[in-house]
Protein backbone atom coordinates (compact mmCIF):
# COMPACT_ATOMS: atom_id res chain seq x y z
CA MET A 1 120.19 94.57 89.82
CA SER A 2 122.90 96.27 91.89
CA ALA A 3 123.04 100.02 92.49
CA PRO A 4 125.78 100.69 89.88
CA GLU A 5 123.80 98.73 87.26
CA THR A 6 120.60 100.75 87.79
CA ALA A 7 122.21 104.19 87.93
CA GLY A 8 121.20 106.26 84.92
CA LYS A 9 119.23 103.41 83.32
CA SER A 10 115.94 104.04 81.55
CA LEU A 11 113.37 101.71 83.05
CA ARG A 12 110.36 99.94 81.56
CA ILE A 13 107.42 100.39 83.96
CA VAL A 14 104.11 98.54 83.74
CA VAL A 15 101.14 99.91 85.71
CA THR A 16 98.26 97.44 86.12
CA ASP A 17 96.31 99.03 88.98
CA PRO A 18 93.30 100.98 87.65
CA ILE A 19 92.99 103.39 90.58
CA ILE A 20 96.58 104.61 90.68
CA SER A 21 96.47 104.85 86.87
CA ARG A 22 94.18 107.85 87.35
CA PHE A 23 97.19 109.65 88.86
CA GLU A 24 99.47 109.22 85.84
CA ASP A 25 100.87 112.74 86.06
CA GLU A 26 101.89 112.25 89.69
CA LEU A 27 103.44 108.87 88.89
CA LYS A 28 105.58 110.34 86.13
CA HIS A 29 106.59 113.47 88.05
CA ASP A 30 110.40 113.76 88.16
CA GLY A 31 110.56 110.15 87.06
CA GLY A 32 113.06 110.45 84.23
CA THR A 33 112.72 109.34 80.61
CA HIS A 34 111.32 105.91 81.25
CA HIS A 35 108.99 103.77 79.13
CA TRP A 36 105.55 103.58 80.75
CA ASP A 37 102.88 101.00 79.92
CA MET A 38 99.60 102.14 81.49
CA ALA A 39 98.19 98.64 81.23
CA ALA A 40 95.24 98.55 83.63
CA ALA A 41 92.69 98.17 80.81
CA TRP A 42 94.77 95.71 78.78
CA THR A 43 93.88 92.06 78.36
CA PRO A 44 95.66 89.62 80.69
CA ASP A 45 97.72 88.24 77.79
CA ARG A 46 98.83 91.68 76.70
CA GLN A 47 99.81 92.49 80.29
CA LEU A 48 101.88 89.30 80.43
CA ASP A 49 103.70 90.31 77.26
CA ALA A 50 104.55 93.69 78.79
CA LEU A 51 105.64 92.14 82.10
CA ALA A 52 108.13 89.92 80.29
CA SER A 53 110.35 92.94 79.62
CA ALA A 54 109.41 95.07 82.65
CA ASP A 55 111.84 96.44 85.22
CA VAL A 56 109.07 97.75 87.47
CA VAL A 57 105.45 96.79 87.97
CA VAL A 58 103.05 99.08 89.84
CA CYS A 59 100.13 96.96 90.99
CA SER A 60 97.72 95.99 93.74
CA GLY A 61 98.23 92.29 93.03
CA LEU A 62 100.61 90.04 91.12
CA GLY A 63 99.59 86.40 90.74
CA PRO A 64 101.75 83.34 90.04
CA ARG A 65 101.34 83.56 86.27
CA GLN A 66 102.29 87.26 86.22
CA ALA A 67 105.24 86.71 88.55
CA ALA A 68 106.52 83.89 86.34
CA ALA A 69 106.32 86.11 83.26
CA ALA A 70 108.13 89.03 84.89
CA ARG A 71 111.53 87.44 85.45
CA GLY A 72 113.43 90.68 84.93
CA LEU A 73 111.67 92.72 87.60
CA LYS A 74 113.77 94.95 89.84
CA LEU A 75 110.83 96.41 91.76
CA VAL A 76 107.24 95.48 92.52
CA HIS A 77 105.61 98.61 93.92
CA VAL A 78 102.30 97.90 95.62
CA THR A 79 99.79 100.73 95.40
CA GLY A 80 98.71 100.46 99.05
CA ALA A 81 99.84 99.06 102.37
CA GLY A 82 98.83 95.42 101.90
CA TYR A 83 101.02 93.12 99.85
CA ASP A 84 99.18 89.85 100.53
CA LYS A 85 98.11 89.70 96.86
CA ILE A 86 101.70 89.61 95.64
CA PHE A 87 102.92 86.06 94.93
CA LEU A 88 106.25 86.55 96.66
CA PRO A 89 107.64 83.01 96.08
CA GLY A 90 107.38 83.45 92.32
CA LEU A 91 109.28 86.73 92.08
CA ALA A 92 112.75 86.96 90.61
CA PRO A 93 115.36 86.71 93.38
CA GLY A 94 116.57 90.28 92.95
CA ALA A 95 113.15 91.93 92.88
CA ALA A 96 112.37 94.30 95.74
CA VAL A 97 108.81 94.80 96.97
CA ALA A 98 107.73 98.18 98.34
CA ASN A 99 104.43 99.53 99.60
CA THR A 100 102.90 102.89 100.50
CA PHE A 101 100.42 104.22 103.05
CA HIS A 102 98.83 107.69 103.60
CA HIS A 103 95.39 106.28 104.46
CA ALA A 104 95.42 106.79 108.24
CA ARG A 105 93.84 110.25 108.36
CA PRO A 106 90.86 109.56 106.05
CA ILE A 107 90.17 106.28 107.85
CA ALA A 108 90.33 108.04 111.22
CA GLU A 109 87.86 110.66 109.98
CA HIS A 110 85.59 107.84 108.81
CA VAL A 111 85.73 106.25 112.27
CA LEU A 112 84.69 109.49 113.95
CA MET A 113 81.92 110.03 111.38
CA VAL A 114 80.51 106.55 111.98
CA THR A 115 80.80 106.99 115.73
CA LEU A 116 78.63 110.10 115.48
CA MET A 117 76.18 108.42 113.11
CA LEU A 118 75.71 105.48 115.47
CA SER A 119 75.60 107.44 118.71
CA ARG A 120 73.09 109.94 117.27
CA ASN A 121 71.06 107.31 115.38
CA VAL A 122 71.49 109.26 112.15
CA ALA A 123 70.53 106.46 109.74
CA ALA A 124 67.22 105.77 111.52
CA ALA A 125 66.40 109.47 111.76
CA ASP A 126 67.11 109.91 108.06
CA ARG A 127 64.84 106.99 107.15
CA ALA A 128 62.07 108.32 109.40
CA VAL A 129 62.09 111.82 107.92
CA ARG A 130 62.15 110.43 104.37
CA GLY A 131 59.16 108.30 105.35
CA GLY A 132 57.19 111.25 106.70
CA THR A 133 57.82 110.74 110.42
CA TRP A 134 59.17 113.56 112.61
CA ARG A 135 60.48 112.22 115.93
CA THR A 136 62.52 114.35 118.31
CA ILE A 137 62.70 114.83 122.08
CA ALA A 138 60.12 117.58 121.52
CA THR A 139 57.55 115.24 119.94
CA ASP A 140 58.27 111.90 121.64
CA PRO A 141 59.53 111.45 125.22
CA GLN A 142 60.91 108.03 124.24
CA VAL A 143 63.52 109.59 121.97
CA PRO A 144 66.84 109.65 123.81
CA PHE A 145 69.07 112.68 124.19
CA HIS A 146 72.28 112.62 122.17
CA PRO A 147 75.55 111.85 123.91
CA THR A 148 78.56 113.99 123.06
CA LEU A 149 81.90 112.41 122.28
CA GLY A 150 83.64 114.52 124.90
CA GLY A 151 80.96 113.96 127.50
CA GLY A 152 82.54 110.88 129.06
CA MET A 153 82.59 108.49 126.10
CA THR A 154 85.47 106.03 125.98
CA MET A 155 87.02 104.82 122.74
CA GLY A 156 88.86 101.49 122.87
CA LEU A 157 91.37 100.77 120.13
CA VAL A 158 92.31 97.22 119.21
CA GLY A 159 95.71 97.90 117.67
CA MET A 160 97.94 100.97 117.65
CA GLY A 161 99.51 101.17 114.21
CA SER A 162 99.30 104.25 112.01
CA ILE A 163 95.50 104.02 111.73
CA GLY A 164 94.93 103.40 115.42
CA ALA A 165 97.25 106.26 116.33
CA GLU A 166 95.44 108.71 114.03
CA VAL A 167 92.04 107.62 115.38
CA ALA A 168 93.39 108.18 118.90
CA ARG A 169 94.61 111.69 118.01
CA LEU A 170 91.27 112.80 116.58
CA ALA A 171 89.22 111.17 119.34
CA GLY A 172 91.42 112.83 121.96
CA LEU A 173 91.00 116.23 120.33
CA LEU A 174 87.24 115.78 120.65
CA GLY A 175 87.57 115.02 124.35
CA MET A 176 87.08 111.26 124.32
CA ASP A 177 88.83 109.05 126.84
CA VAL A 178 91.08 106.86 124.67
CA ARG A 179 92.37 103.42 125.65
CA ALA A 180 94.13 100.72 123.66
CA VAL A 181 95.50 97.22 123.55
CA ARG A 182 98.55 96.44 121.41
CA LYS A 183 101.12 93.69 120.94
CA ASN A 184 103.71 95.57 122.95
CA PRO A 185 102.01 97.70 125.62
CA ASP A 186 105.38 99.09 126.72
CA ALA A 187 106.23 100.50 123.28
CA ARG A 188 106.50 104.27 122.89
CA VAL A 189 103.15 105.98 122.48
CA PRO A 190 103.00 107.75 119.08
CA ASP A 191 103.40 111.52 119.02
CA GLY A 192 100.20 113.42 119.69
CA VAL A 193 98.45 110.41 121.23
CA ALA A 194 97.21 110.52 124.82
CA LEU A 195 96.05 107.19 126.24
CA SER A 196 94.45 106.89 129.66
CA TRP A 197 95.24 103.16 129.66
CA VAL A 198 97.14 100.74 127.45
CA GLY A 199 97.37 96.97 127.79
CA GLY A 200 98.52 93.90 125.95
CA ILE A 201 96.32 91.89 123.61
CA ASP A 202 95.68 89.48 126.51
CA GLN A 203 93.89 92.37 128.25
CA LEU A 204 91.35 92.77 125.45
CA PRO A 205 88.39 91.80 127.72
CA GLU A 206 89.28 94.65 130.07
CA LEU A 207 89.33 97.12 127.17
CA LEU A 208 86.02 95.86 125.80
CA ALA A 209 84.27 96.16 129.14
CA ALA A 210 85.33 99.80 129.54
CA SER A 211 84.67 101.08 126.01
CA ASP A 212 81.67 102.82 124.52
CA VAL A 213 83.17 102.54 121.04
CA VAL A 214 85.48 99.66 120.06
CA VAL A 215 87.58 100.30 116.94
CA VAL A 216 89.36 97.35 115.31
CA THR A 217 92.54 98.33 113.45
CA VAL A 218 94.85 95.29 113.74
CA PRO A 219 96.26 93.62 110.61
CA LEU A 220 94.84 90.26 109.57
CA ASP A 221 97.09 87.29 110.29
CA SER A 222 96.82 83.89 111.93
CA SER A 223 96.86 85.47 115.39
CA THR A 224 94.08 88.01 114.71
CA GLU A 225 91.64 86.05 112.53
CA GLY A 226 88.39 85.74 114.51
CA MET A 227 89.82 87.59 117.51
CA ILE A 228 86.51 89.45 117.98
CA GLY A 229 83.88 86.75 118.50
CA ALA A 230 81.04 85.78 120.81
CA PRO A 231 83.08 85.99 124.07
CA GLU A 232 84.29 89.46 123.11
CA PHE A 233 80.79 90.71 122.31
CA ALA A 234 79.64 89.30 125.65
CA ALA A 235 82.34 91.39 127.34
CA MET A 236 81.16 94.64 125.71
CA LYS A 237 78.60 97.03 127.13
CA PRO A 238 75.11 96.58 125.62
CA THR A 239 75.25 100.29 124.77
CA ALA A 240 78.60 99.99 122.94
CA PHE A 241 79.39 100.15 119.24
CA LEU A 242 81.92 98.18 117.19
CA ILE A 243 83.65 99.79 114.20
CA ASN A 244 85.82 97.56 112.02
CA VAL A 245 88.30 99.23 109.65
CA ALA A 246 90.86 96.39 109.75
CA ARG A 247 89.90 93.31 107.72
CA GLY A 248 86.58 91.49 107.78
CA PRO A 249 87.82 88.14 109.11
CA VAL A 250 89.30 89.76 112.23
CA VAL A 251 85.66 89.78 113.39
CA ASP A 252 83.58 86.60 113.44
CA GLN A 253 80.68 87.61 111.20
CA HIS A 254 78.19 85.14 112.70
CA ALA A 255 78.95 86.34 116.22
CA LEU A 256 78.65 89.97 115.10
CA PHE A 257 75.33 89.37 113.36
CA ASP A 258 73.95 87.61 116.44
CA ALA A 259 75.18 90.39 118.74
CA LEU A 260 73.54 93.05 116.57
CA LYS A 261 70.27 91.19 115.98
CA SER A 262 69.85 90.37 119.68
CA GLN A 263 70.97 93.88 120.61
CA ARG A 264 73.75 92.41 122.71
CA ILE A 265 75.63 95.48 121.46
CA ALA A 266 74.03 98.72 120.30
CA GLY A 267 75.39 98.86 116.79
CA ALA A 268 78.28 98.47 114.37
CA GLY A 269 80.04 100.26 111.56
CA ILE A 270 81.30 97.82 108.94
CA ASP A 271 83.64 99.06 106.23
CA VAL A 272 85.56 95.81 105.65
CA TRP A 273 83.92 92.55 104.70
CA TRP A 274 84.36 88.79 104.44
CA GLY A 275 84.64 88.43 100.68
CA SER A 276 84.50 90.40 97.46
CA PRO A 277 81.55 91.82 95.50
CA SER A 278 82.88 89.77 92.59
CA ASP A 279 81.42 86.77 94.40
CA GLY A 280 78.00 88.15 93.44
CA VAL A 281 76.93 89.15 96.95
CA VAL A 282 76.59 92.80 97.99
CA PRO A 283 77.54 93.41 100.71
CA PRO A 284 79.98 90.46 100.61
CA ALA A 285 78.93 88.51 103.68
CA GLU A 286 77.17 85.26 104.46
CA LEU A 287 74.57 87.02 106.57
CA PRO A 288 72.11 89.84 105.72
CA PHE A 289 73.66 92.75 107.60
CA GLY A 290 71.67 95.10 105.40
CA THR A 291 68.48 94.05 107.19
CA LEU A 292 69.75 95.33 110.54
CA ALA A 293 68.80 98.88 111.46
CA ASN A 294 71.64 99.33 113.98
CA THR A 295 74.44 99.38 111.42
CA VAL A 296 76.33 101.80 109.19
CA LEU A 297 77.54 99.87 106.13
CA THR A 298 80.14 101.17 103.69
CA PRO A 299 81.92 99.50 100.73
CA HIS A 300 85.51 99.40 102.06
CA HIS A 301 86.02 103.03 101.11
CA SER A 302 87.08 104.66 104.38
CA GLY A 303 90.58 105.44 103.07
CA HIS A 304 89.54 106.60 99.60
CA ALA A 305 90.43 110.27 99.92
CA ARG A 306 92.01 111.85 96.86
CA ILE A 307 95.02 112.99 98.86
CA THR A 308 95.71 109.37 99.83
CA PHE A 309 96.30 108.39 96.22
CA GLU A 310 98.14 111.59 95.29
CA ARG A 311 100.63 110.88 98.06
CA ARG A 312 100.86 107.19 97.17
CA ALA A 313 101.63 108.10 93.57
CA ALA A 314 104.31 110.50 94.81
CA ASP A 315 105.87 107.71 96.90
CA ILE A 316 105.91 105.38 93.90
CA ALA A 317 107.49 108.06 91.69
CA ALA A 318 110.15 108.73 94.33
CA ASN A 319 111.05 105.05 94.61
CA ILE A 320 111.26 104.65 90.84
CA ARG A 321 113.60 107.63 90.74
CA ARG A 322 115.72 106.08 93.50
CA LEU A 323 115.87 102.80 91.58
CA ALA A 324 116.94 104.57 88.39
CA GLU A 325 119.65 106.46 90.32
CA GLY A 326 120.91 103.33 92.08
CA ARG A 327 119.87 104.62 95.50
CA GLU A 328 118.31 102.77 98.44
CA LEU A 329 114.55 102.30 98.24
CA PHE A 330 112.15 103.09 101.09
CA ASN A 331 109.14 101.16 102.42
CA VAL A 332 110.70 97.86 101.30
CA VAL A 333 108.81 94.89 102.74
CA PRO A 334 110.33 91.51 103.66
CA ARG A 335 110.31 88.82 101.00
CA GLY A 336 110.65 85.83 103.31
């Protein structure tokens, strides 16, 4: 629909994502007198009926059957950054697709938290105290002293998008030496980021060899799938940690399990996995990472701060208002 056609029009909006549905007030803020179907709990058939007359769908995924039903869509607004679950070929030709972000800061805080947990052996200490054992440097000379993040530790970032940049800012504030590899090493360094070294992706082995903490933040695509495997773990220090907040398949899970079990690396923080709990496996992996003591395992929740979703809902509301007023949308992603 062209800008003149949308201006002043009341829109029919279908919301199928259950998380963003919890922010209904923020979604409807300054949104005009539109018809809203909060359809997250509806049956699939009832959702299809609503999509048939929808102008906008707010969702985390839209499959082929849903796309085929929603032939009148003007906007598919994804509730996060990733739009890989939207069946783009099936959308109506005039439908725009937009996404939203705001997850960089909570993920960066998660990375620093896990770095501290691994470097200070927090999980093992917690288990020991709960089990009645009290081990400190005062009771056991084999217990190591803690490192401090600003005491010479190097953080190596694989990727320098919004998440990598925010991790770099926080790590730098804590005194860590921060290095990175990125697709374009000559690109402008983001504001507030101080890097002691930056290289291209082909210089990944150099980054791995120098880093005490390796943080994976690259998007998953054909060029990054399996990019962290056995050769990369061999290049890392045996005292180093890997933290993956990108996508599970960026890291070869068999190589990671072997590196952890053999103590080829000191530990790992895993927030992203290789499948879905709906497959019946928790955590969703082929290998029993839960049996390894040198891990911090979380259920893909590093970005789940309330403020993330409040701001995402505000973005969605703003784009719906722009659509209704016939104005240009923001955060539009390519269809082809």
